[in-house]
Amino acid sequence: MTAPVALTARHWARTVRWYLRELMGEAEYDRYCERHRRHHPKAPVPTRREYDVLRTLRREEQPEGRCC
């Protein structure tokens, strides 16, 4: 591959990876971990599973615009 084609392929690969991470919620967990470390440096960061439980509990306690 020539250099511009390789850069374009890498760009598309990064774009697809970003989109999939946003779609699947991986990026949300990463942002949560960064914020948690910043605001609570001595507290352990919850695992992905613990984060999912916390997020689900919050959504159930505060239904934002859901009908049921």
C-alpha atoms as a PDB file:
ATOM      1  CA  MET A   1       0.000   0.000   0.000  1.00  0.00           C
ATOM      2  CA  THR A   2       1.086   3.492  -0.607  1.00  0.00           C
ATOM      3  CA  ALA A   3       1.317   5.920   2.283  1.00  0.00           C
ATOM      4  CA  PRO A   4      -1.957   7.845   1.636  1.00  0.00           C
ATOM      5  CA  VAL A   5      -3.920   4.602   1.226  1.00  0.00           C
ATOM      6  CA  ALA A   6      -2.461   3.199   4.454  1.00  0.00           C
ATOM      7  CA  LEU A   7      -3.335   6.421   6.306  1.00  0.00           C
ATOM      8  CA  THR A   8      -6.877   6.305   4.951  1.00  0.00           C
ATOM      9  CA  ALA A   9      -7.262   2.652   5.979  1.00  0.00           C
ATOM     10  CA  ARG A  10      -5.970   3.443   9.470  1.00  0.00           C
ATOM     11  CA  HIS A  11      -8.291   6.406   9.706  1.00  0.00           C
ATOM     12  CA  TRP A  12     -11.298   4.264   8.769  1.00  0.00           C
ATOM     13  CA  ALA A  13     -10.211   1.527  11.189  1.00  0.00           C
ATOM     14  CA  ARG A  14      -9.947   4.066  14.032  1.00  0.00           C
ATOM     15  CA  THR A  15     -13.322   5.542  13.103  1.00  0.00           C
ATOM     16  CA  VAL A  16     -15.008   2.136  13.079  1.00  0.00           C
ATOM     17  CA  ARG A  17     -13.336   1.194  16.371  1.00  0.00           C
ATOM     18  CA  TRP A  18     -14.487   4.479  17.959  1.00  0.00           C
ATOM     19  CA  TYR A  19     -18.039   3.973  16.711  1.00  0.00           C
ATOM     20  CA  LEU A  20     -18.247   0.402  17.988  1.00  0.00           C
ATOM     21  CA  ARG A  21     -16.828   1.372  21.398  1.00  0.00           C
ATOM     22  CA  GLU A  22     -19.406   4.164  21.702  1.00  0.00           C
ATOM     23  CA  LEU A  23     -22.188   1.864  20.564  1.00  0.00           C
ATOM     24  CA  MET A  24     -21.272  -0.936  22.983  1.00  0.00           C
ATOM     25  CA  GLY A  25     -20.669   1.375  25.965  1.00  0.00           C
ATOM     26  CA  GLU A  26     -16.949   0.654  26.355  1.00  0.00           C
ATOM     27  CA  ALA A  27     -16.035   4.314  25.965  1.00  0.00           C
ATOM     28  CA  GLU A  28     -18.581   5.292  28.621  1.00  0.00           C
ATOM     29  CA  TYR A  29     -16.916   2.966  31.128  1.00  0.00           C
ATOM     30  CA  ASP A  30     -13.474   4.360  30.242  1.00  0.00           C
ATOM     31  CA  ARG A  31     -14.715   7.930  30.776  1.00  0.00           C
ATOM     32  CA  TYR A  32     -16.243   6.867  34.102  1.00  0.00           C
ATOM     33  CA  CYS A  33     -12.936   5.328  35.230  1.00  0.00           C
ATOM     34  CA  GLU A  34     -10.987   8.466  34.342  1.00  0.00           C
ATOM     35  CA  ARG A  35     -13.477  10.685  36.193  1.00  0.00           C
ATOM     36  CA  HIS A  36     -13.523   8.323  39.187  1.00  0.00           C
ATOM     37  CA  ARG A  37      -9.707   8.344  39.425  1.00  0.00           C
ATOM     38  CA  ARG A  38      -9.659  12.134  39.213  1.00  0.00           C
ATOM     39  CA  HIS A  39     -12.307  12.732  41.884  1.00  0.00           C
ATOM     40  CA  HIS A  40     -11.576   9.745  44.153  1.00  0.00           C
ATOM     41  CA  PRO A  41      -7.861   8.977  43.759  1.00  0.00           C
ATOM     42  CA  LYS A  42      -7.642   6.695  46.792  1.00  0.00           C
ATOM     43  CA  ALA A  43     -10.832   4.712  46.142  1.00  0.00           C
ATOM     44  CA  PRO A  44     -10.646   1.550  44.033  1.00  0.00           C
ATOM     45  CA  VAL A  45     -12.149   1.784  40.572  1.00  0.00           C
ATOM     46  CA  PRO A  46     -15.195  -0.464  40.129  1.00  0.00           C
ATOM     47  CA  THR A  47     -14.839  -3.350  37.716  1.00  0.00           C
ATOM     48  CA  ARG A  48     -16.823  -3.308  34.503  1.00  0.00           C
ATOM     49  CA  ARG A  49     -19.404  -5.643  36.034  1.00  0.00           C
ATOM     50  CA  GLU A  50     -19.745  -3.477  39.164  1.00  0.00           C
ATOM     51  CA  TYR A  51     -20.097  -0.396  36.962  1.00  0.00           C
ATOM     52  CA  ASP A  52     -22.864  -2.063  34.938  1.00  0.00           C
ATOM     53  CA  VAL A  53     -24.762  -2.921  38.141  1.00  0.00           C
ATOM     54  CA  LEU A  54     -24.397   0.656  39.439  1.00  0.00           C
ATOM     55  CA  ARG A  55     -25.533   2.083  36.114  1.00  0.00           C
ATOM     56  CA  THR A  56     -28.560  -0.226  35.979  1.00  0.00           C
ATOM     57  CA  LEU A  57     -29.562   0.646  39.550  1.00  0.00           C
ATOM     58  CA  ARG A  58     -29.291   4.355  38.786  1.00  0.00           C
ATOM     59  CA  ARG A  59     -31.433   4.005  35.663  1.00  0.00           C
ATOM     60  CA  GLU A  60     -34.087   2.108  37.599  1.00  0.00           C
ATOM     61  CA  GLU A  61     -34.121   4.651  40.433  1.00  0.00           C
ATOM     62  CA  GLN A  62     -34.230   7.661  38.129  1.00  0.00           C
ATOM     63  CA  PRO A  63     -36.209   6.818  34.975  1.00  0.00           C
ATOM     64  CA  GLU A  64     -35.455   9.810  32.771  1.00  0.00           C
ATOM     65  CA  GLY A  65     -38.342  10.103  30.364  1.00  0.00           C
ATOM     66  CA  ARG A  66     -39.256   6.423  30.233  1.00  0.00           C
ATOM     67  CA  CYS A  67     -42.930   5.604  30.239  1.00  0.00           C
ATOM     68  CA  CYS A  68     -42.726   2.509  32.480  1.00  0.00           C
END
